[in-house]
Amino acid sequence: MNEITPILITAIVFGTIYGLFFLFVRRRERLTMMEKGFDPSLFYVEKPSTRFNSLKYGMLFIGVGAGILVGNILTVTTALNEEVAFFSMIFLFGGSALVLNYLLETRERNNNKS
């Protein structure tokens, strides 16, 4: 722990300095643009829809749970290494759930546009 402490303190100090500098420059840039007559609404970006977040996270957690279950089954029934079975199945099922979620969201958005 004592070896990491100076590194963490240094990183926090430089991160704080960078953050304050970034905020100052950004504020200054916006003020200059407003003085030159630009519309302030340019600074606000419309956030993407969070309508499907619960579906996405629900499907991800179901996929991870199924991956753990299948990884356990593979560990018991085959000579596959335990870590390999668990990690591969978690990523396989979790990724499959996210791809399926993407397909469902795309289909739903296309149906709403038509």
C-alpha atoms as a PDB file:
ATOM      1  CA  MET A   1       0.000   0.000   0.000  1.00  0.00           C
ATOM      2  CA  ASN A   2       2.823   2.405   0.820  1.00  0.00           C
ATOM      3  CA  GLU A   3       4.317   1.982  -2.668  1.00  0.00           C
ATOM      4  CA  ILE A   4       1.070   2.909  -4.412  1.00  0.00           C
ATOM      5  CA  THR A   5       0.169   5.931  -2.271  1.00  0.00           C
ATOM      6  CA  PRO A   6       2.549   8.461  -3.956  1.00  0.00           C
ATOM      7  CA  ILE A   7       1.390   7.329  -7.384  1.00  0.00           C
ATOM      8  CA  LEU A   8      -2.275   7.751  -6.431  1.00  0.00           C
ATOM      9  CA  ILE A   9      -1.652  11.181  -4.897  1.00  0.00           C
ATOM     10  CA  THR A  10       0.225  12.310  -8.011  1.00  0.00           C
ATOM     11  CA  ALA A  11      -2.531  11.023 -10.292  1.00  0.00           C
ATOM     12  CA  ILE A  12      -5.238  12.732  -8.247  1.00  0.00           C
ATOM     13  CA  VAL A  13      -3.361  16.052  -8.208  1.00  0.00           C
ATOM     14  CA  PHE A  14      -2.726  16.034 -11.964  1.00  0.00           C
ATOM     15  CA  GLY A  15      -6.293  14.895 -12.652  1.00  0.00           C
ATOM     16  CA  THR A  16      -7.666  17.758 -10.582  1.00  0.00           C
ATOM     17  CA  ILE A  17      -5.416  20.297 -12.313  1.00  0.00           C
ATOM     18  CA  TYR A  18      -6.450  18.963 -15.734  1.00  0.00           C
ATOM     19  CA  GLY A  19     -10.145  19.012 -14.794  1.00  0.00           C
ATOM     20  CA  LEU A  20     -10.020  22.591 -13.543  1.00  0.00           C
ATOM     21  CA  PHE A  21      -8.066  23.733 -16.604  1.00  0.00           C
ATOM     22  CA  PHE A  22     -10.544  21.971 -18.915  1.00  0.00           C
ATOM     23  CA  LEU A  23     -13.531  23.571 -17.189  1.00  0.00           C
ATOM     24  CA  PHE A  24     -11.923  27.032 -17.277  1.00  0.00           C
ATOM     25  CA  VAL A  25     -11.046  26.782 -20.981  1.00  0.00           C
ATOM     26  CA  ARG A  26     -14.492  25.434 -21.847  1.00  0.00           C
ATOM     27  CA  ARG A  27     -16.230  28.232 -19.955  1.00  0.00           C
ATOM     28  CA  ARG A  28     -14.018  30.841 -21.577  1.00  0.00           C
ATOM     29  CA  GLU A  29     -14.682  29.390 -25.028  1.00  0.00           C
ATOM     30  CA  ARG A  30     -18.448  29.470 -24.489  1.00  0.00           C
ATOM     31  CA  LEU A  31     -18.385  33.045 -23.247  1.00  0.00           C
ATOM     32  CA  THR A  32     -16.374  34.118 -26.282  1.00  0.00           C
ATOM     33  CA  MET A  33     -18.787  32.377 -28.646  1.00  0.00           C
ATOM     34  CA  MET A  34     -21.791  34.017 -26.985  1.00  0.00           C
ATOM     35  CA  GLU A  35     -20.118  37.428 -27.225  1.00  0.00           C
ATOM     36  CA  LYS A  36     -19.722  36.901 -30.970  1.00  0.00           C
ATOM     37  CA  GLY A  37     -23.427  36.174 -31.338  1.00  0.00           C
ATOM     38  CA  PHE A  38     -23.653  32.368 -31.486  1.00  0.00           C
ATOM     39  CA  ASP A  39     -26.795  30.699 -30.230  1.00  0.00           C
ATOM     40  CA  PRO A  40     -26.358  29.235 -26.688  1.00  0.00           C
ATOM     41  CA  SER A  41     -28.478  26.213 -27.633  1.00  0.00           C
ATOM     42  CA  LEU A  42     -25.449  24.899 -29.554  1.00  0.00           C
ATOM     43  CA  PHE A  43     -23.883  23.934 -26.230  1.00  0.00           C
ATOM     44  CA  TYR A  44     -26.618  21.539 -25.229  1.00  0.00           C
ATOM     45  CA  VAL A  45     -26.603  18.116 -26.836  1.00  0.00           C
ATOM     46  CA  GLU A  46     -29.798  16.109 -26.825  1.00  0.00           C
ATOM     47  CA  LYS A  47     -29.363  12.999 -24.687  1.00  0.00           C
ATOM     48  CA  PRO A  48     -30.105   9.650 -26.293  1.00  0.00           C
ATOM     49  CA  SER A  49     -33.280   7.893 -25.275  1.00  0.00           C
ATOM     50  CA  THR A  50     -33.063   5.900 -22.049  1.00  0.00           C
ATOM     51  CA  ARG A  51     -36.245   4.051 -22.862  1.00  0.00           C
ATOM     52  CA  PHE A  52     -34.545   0.686 -23.355  1.00  0.00           C
ATOM     53  CA  ASN A  53     -32.029   0.826 -20.486  1.00  0.00           C
ATOM     54  CA  SER A  54     -33.926  -1.509 -18.186  1.00  0.00           C
ATOM     55  CA  LEU A  55     -34.366  -4.003 -21.025  1.00  0.00           C
ATOM     56  CA  LYS A  56     -30.663  -3.816 -21.857  1.00  0.00           C
ATOM     57  CA  TYR A  57     -29.481  -4.345 -18.287  1.00  0.00           C
ATOM     58  CA  GLY A  58     -32.082  -7.017 -17.623  1.00  0.00           C
ATOM     59  CA  MET A  59     -31.032  -8.985 -20.678  1.00  0.00           C
ATOM     60  CA  LEU A  60     -27.351  -8.551 -19.781  1.00  0.00           C
ATOM     61  CA  PHE A  61     -27.839  -9.884 -16.258  1.00  0.00           C
ATOM     62  CA  ILE A  62     -29.947 -12.788 -17.511  1.00  0.00           C
ATOM     63  CA  GLY A  63     -27.184 -13.582 -20.013  1.00  0.00           C
ATOM     64  CA  VAL A  64     -24.501 -13.424 -17.326  1.00  0.00           C
ATOM     65  CA  GLY A  65     -26.588 -15.675 -15.064  1.00  0.00           C
ATOM     66  CA  ALA A  66     -27.099 -18.171 -17.860  1.00  0.00           C
ATOM     67  CA  GLY A  67     -23.363 -18.028 -18.600  1.00  0.00           C
ATOM     68  CA  ILE A  68     -22.515 -18.836 -14.986  1.00  0.00           C
ATOM     69  CA  LEU A  69     -24.978 -21.725 -15.024  1.00  0.00           C
ATOM     70  CA  VAL A  70     -23.661 -23.176 -18.283  1.00  0.00           C
ATOM     71  CA  GLY A  71     -20.062 -22.631 -17.119  1.00  0.00           C
ATOM     72  CA  ASN A  72     -20.808 -24.614 -13.979  1.00  0.00           C
ATOM     73  CA  ILE A  73     -22.395 -27.387 -16.035  1.00  0.00           C
ATOM     74  CA  LEU A  74     -19.346 -27.476 -18.329  1.00  0.00           C
ATOM     75  CA  THR A  75     -16.997 -27.635 -15.346  1.00  0.00           C
ATOM     76  CA  VAL A  76     -18.842 -30.598 -13.850  1.00  0.00           C
ATOM     77  CA  THR A  77     -19.427 -32.596 -17.053  1.00  0.00           C
ATOM     78  CA  THR A  78     -16.189 -31.966 -18.987  1.00  0.00           C
ATOM     79  CA  ALA A  79     -12.489 -31.728 -18.238  1.00  0.00           C
ATOM     80  CA  LEU A  80     -12.529 -28.033 -19.117  1.00  0.00           C
ATOM     81  CA  ASN A  81     -10.648 -25.707 -16.770  1.00  0.00           C
ATOM     82  CA  GLU A  82     -13.002 -23.933 -14.332  1.00  0.00           C
ATOM     83  CA  GLU A  83     -11.824 -20.366 -15.059  1.00  0.00           C
ATOM     84  CA  VAL A  84     -11.997 -20.894 -18.816  1.00  0.00           C
ATOM     85  CA  ALA A  85     -15.491 -22.347 -18.632  1.00  0.00           C
ATOM     86  CA  PHE A  86     -16.888 -19.585 -16.438  1.00  0.00           C
ATOM     87  CA  PHE A  87     -15.314 -16.609 -18.185  1.00  0.00           C
ATOM     88  CA  SER A  88     -15.999 -17.848 -21.701  1.00  0.00           C
ATOM     89  CA  MET A  89     -19.637 -18.634 -20.986  1.00  0.00           C
ATOM     90  CA  ILE A  90     -20.234 -15.362 -19.113  1.00  0.00           C
ATOM     91  CA  PHE A  91     -18.850 -13.319 -22.007  1.00  0.00           C
ATOM     92  CA  LEU A  92     -20.575 -15.480 -24.626  1.00  0.00           C
ATOM     93  CA  PHE A  93     -24.019 -15.291 -23.057  1.00  0.00           C
ATOM     94  CA  GLY A  94     -23.668 -11.670 -21.893  1.00  0.00           C
ATOM     95  CA  GLY A  95     -22.554 -10.574 -25.375  1.00  0.00           C
ATOM     96  CA  SER A  96     -25.336 -12.575 -27.007  1.00  0.00           C
ATOM     97  CA  ALA A  97     -27.875 -10.864 -24.743  1.00  0.00           C
ATOM     98  CA  LEU A  98     -26.560  -7.426 -25.726  1.00  0.00           C
ATOM     99  CA  VAL A  99     -26.670  -8.287 -29.440  1.00  0.00           C
ATOM    100  CA  LEU A 100     -30.233  -9.580 -29.059  1.00  0.00           C
ATOM    101  CA  ASN A 101     -31.130  -6.392 -27.180  1.00  0.00           C
ATOM    102  CA  TYR A 102     -29.695  -4.292 -30.030  1.00  0.00           C
ATOM    103  CA  LEU A 103     -31.765  -6.212 -32.573  1.00  0.00           C
ATOM    104  CA  LEU A 104     -34.943  -5.778 -30.502  1.00  0.00           C
ATOM    105  CA  GLU A 105     -34.325  -2.037 -30.026  1.00  0.00           C
ATOM    106  CA  THR A 106     -33.648  -1.535 -33.729  1.00  0.00           C
ATOM    107  CA  ARG A 107     -36.807  -3.385 -34.720  1.00  0.00           C
ATOM    108  CA  GLU A 108     -38.874  -1.405 -32.199  1.00  0.00           C
ATOM    109  CA  ARG A 109     -37.480   1.936 -33.414  1.00  0.00           C
ATOM    110  CA  ASN A 110     -38.127   1.012 -37.039  1.00  0.00           C
ATOM    111  CA  ASN A 111     -41.711   0.032 -36.195  1.00  0.00           C
ATOM    112  CA  ASN A 112     -42.279   3.371 -34.429  1.00  0.00           C
ATOM    113  CA  LYS A 113     -40.963   5.386 -37.413  1.00  0.00           C
ATOM    114  CA  SER A 114     -43.247   3.636 -39.904  1.00  0.00           C
END
